[in-house]
């Protein structure tokens, strides 16, 4: 939050009395090592919480910080894919298809599998 020349860095705010700097959650820019997602709002329940943490059963991609998403998904350590973030884009969060959980209504169905022909397709659409 504070540079080597004692300047406030982009996407941080600093308290002038205490000197403590913190990332701005909800500004659409993920601060490395501080925020795990930033979807340009502070609403919980949309995949990225009001504290800029990826919510359980969601996957968030995008943003300007160079953070491999596999290392910042505390809700599901099984995701180890390294996805290159898009420069300058707020995170976009989606429910995970195939985990058997349907929360935000983004998926038509989720039977916990990826087998076609069982009523719910591998892309979580009704068959």
Protein backbone atom coordinates (compact mmCIF):
# COMPACT_ATOMS: atom_id res chain seq x y z
CA UNK A 1 0.00 0.00 0.00
CA UNK A 2 2.95 2.34 0.53
CA UNK A 3 5.76 2.47 -2.03
CA UNK A 4 9.50 2.59 -1.29
CA UNK A 5 9.25 6.38 -1.68
CA UNK A 6 6.41 6.51 0.89
CA UNK A 7 3.70 7.22 -1.68
CA UNK A 8 0.27 5.64 -1.52
CA UNK A 9 0.08 2.97 -4.23
CA UNK A 10 -2.81 2.63 -6.66
CA UNK A 11 -5.92 0.91 -5.31
CA UNK A 12 -4.93 1.45 -1.67
CA UNK A 13 -6.04 3.91 0.97
CA UNK A 14 -3.91 4.93 3.92
CA UNK A 15 -4.91 6.32 7.30
CA UNK A 16 -2.84 9.48 7.82
CA UNK A 17 -2.89 9.11 11.61
CA UNK A 18 -1.95 5.43 11.95
CA UNK A 19 -0.08 5.06 8.66
CA UNK A 20 -1.91 1.78 8.01
CA UNK A 21 -2.74 1.14 4.36
CA UNK A 22 -5.40 -1.21 3.07
CA UNK A 23 -6.67 -2.32 -0.31
CA UNK A 24 -9.96 -0.91 -1.56
CA UNK A 25 -12.35 -3.85 -1.77
CA UNK A 26 -15.05 -3.35 -4.39
CA UNK A 27 -13.11 -1.06 -6.71
CA UNK A 28 -12.78 -3.71 -9.44
CA UNK A 29 -9.01 -4.18 -9.05
CA UNK A 30 -7.64 -7.16 -7.14
CA UNK A 31 -4.70 -6.14 -4.93
CA UNK A 32 -2.07 -8.94 -4.91
CA UNK A 33 -1.75 -10.80 -1.64
CA UNK A 34 -4.60 -8.84 -0.05
CA UNK A 35 -7.75 -9.50 -2.08
CA UNK A 36 -8.70 -12.88 -3.50
CA UNK A 37 -11.26 -11.40 -5.90
CA UNK A 38 -12.73 -7.98 -6.69
CA UNK A 39 -15.87 -7.84 -8.80
CA UNK A 40 -16.40 -4.07 -8.56
CA UNK A 41 -18.96 -4.25 -5.74
CA UNK A 42 -19.18 -5.13 -2.05
CA UNK A 43 -22.18 -7.48 -2.23
CA UNK A 44 -21.89 -10.95 -0.76
CA UNK A 45 -23.64 -13.90 -2.41
CA UNK A 46 -22.47 -13.13 -5.96
CA UNK A 47 -19.26 -15.18 -5.77
CA UNK A 48 -16.96 -12.46 -4.40
CA UNK A 49 -17.78 -11.46 -0.82
CA UNK A 50 -17.91 -8.00 0.73
CA UNK A 51 -14.37 -8.73 2.01
CA UNK A 52 -13.08 -9.63 -1.49
CA UNK A 53 -12.82 -13.35 -0.79
CA UNK A 54 -14.04 -15.96 -3.29
CA UNK A 55 -17.19 -17.50 -1.85
CA UNK A 56 -17.68 -21.24 -1.55
CA UNK A 57 -18.99 -23.01 -4.69
CA UNK A 58 -17.89 -20.14 -6.98
CA UNK A 59 -15.04 -19.51 -9.38
CA UNK A 60 -13.89 -15.97 -10.16
CA UNK A 61 -11.78 -15.01 -13.17
CA UNK A 62 -10.46 -11.76 -14.60
CA UNK A 63 -8.86 -8.68 -13.08
CA UNK A 64 -5.67 -6.74 -13.45
CA UNK A 65 -3.59 -8.35 -10.70
CA UNK A 66 -1.33 -11.23 -11.72
CA UNK A 67 -2.60 -13.84 -9.31
CA UNK A 68 -3.02 -17.48 -10.35
CA UNK A 69 -6.58 -18.33 -9.43
CA UNK A 70 -5.64 -21.80 -8.25
CA UNK A 71 -3.79 -20.23 -5.35
CA UNK A 72 -6.56 -17.86 -4.30
CA UNK A 73 -9.63 -20.05 -4.03
CA UNK A 74 -9.86 -20.79 -0.31
CA UNK A 75 -13.28 -22.40 -0.64
CA UNK A 76 -12.09 -25.21 -2.92
CA UNK A 77 -8.43 -26.20 -2.89
CA UNK A 78 -9.01 -28.76 -5.65
CA UNK A 79 -8.91 -26.03 -8.30
CA UNK A 80 -5.25 -25.72 -9.23
CA UNK A 81 -5.67 -24.31 -12.72
CA UNK A 82 -3.51 -21.29 -13.40
CA UNK A 83 -5.62 -18.83 -15.33
CA UNK A 84 -4.13 -15.66 -16.76
CA UNK A 85 -6.15 -12.65 -15.65
CA UNK A 86 -7.44 -10.15 -18.18
CA UNK A 87 -5.75 -6.79 -17.67
CA UNK A 88 -8.06 -4.12 -16.31
CA UNK A 89 -11.21 -6.24 -16.01
CA UNK A 90 -13.07 -6.73 -12.71
CA UNK A 91 -13.48 -10.33 -11.63
CA UNK A 92 -16.46 -12.22 -12.97
CA UNK A 93 -17.73 -14.93 -10.65
CA UNK A 94 -19.76 -17.98 -11.66
CA UNK A 95 -21.19 -20.97 -9.88
CA UNK A 96 -19.12 -24.11 -10.42
CA UNK A 97 -20.86 -26.59 -12.71
CA UNK A 98 -20.65 -30.23 -11.61
CA UNK A 99 -20.20 -29.76 -7.87
CA UNK A 100 -23.82 -30.66 -7.06
CA UNK A 101 -24.65 -27.21 -5.67
CA UNK A 102 -26.92 -24.64 -7.30
CA UNK A 103 -27.03 -21.31 -5.45
CA UNK A 104 -27.41 -18.09 -7.41
CA UNK A 105 -29.60 -19.42 -10.18
CA UNK A 106 -26.86 -19.17 -12.79
CA UNK A 107 -27.09 -22.89 -13.52
CA UNK A 108 -30.24 -24.57 -14.83
CA UNK A 109 -29.31 -27.77 -12.99
CA UNK A 110 -26.34 -29.34 -11.22
CA UNK A 111 -26.47 -33.05 -10.51
CA UNK A 112 -22.90 -33.26 -9.26
CA UNK A 113 -21.58 -34.99 -12.35
CA UNK A 114 -20.51 -34.43 -15.92
CA UNK A 115 -22.30 -37.28 -17.63
CA UNK A 116 -24.58 -36.50 -20.56
CA UNK A 117 -27.96 -38.18 -20.94
CA UNK A 118 -28.95 -38.11 -17.27
CA UNK A 119 -31.22 -35.07 -17.48
CA UNK A 120 -28.56 -32.49 -16.61
CA UNK A 121 -25.84 -31.92 -19.20
CA UNK A 122 -22.10 -31.58 -18.47
CA UNK A 123 -22.59 -27.79 -18.90
CA UNK A 124 -25.41 -27.79 -16.28
CA UNK A 125 -28.25 -27.24 -18.74
CA UNK A 126 -31.42 -29.32 -18.82
CA UNK A 127 -31.33 -32.11 -21.40
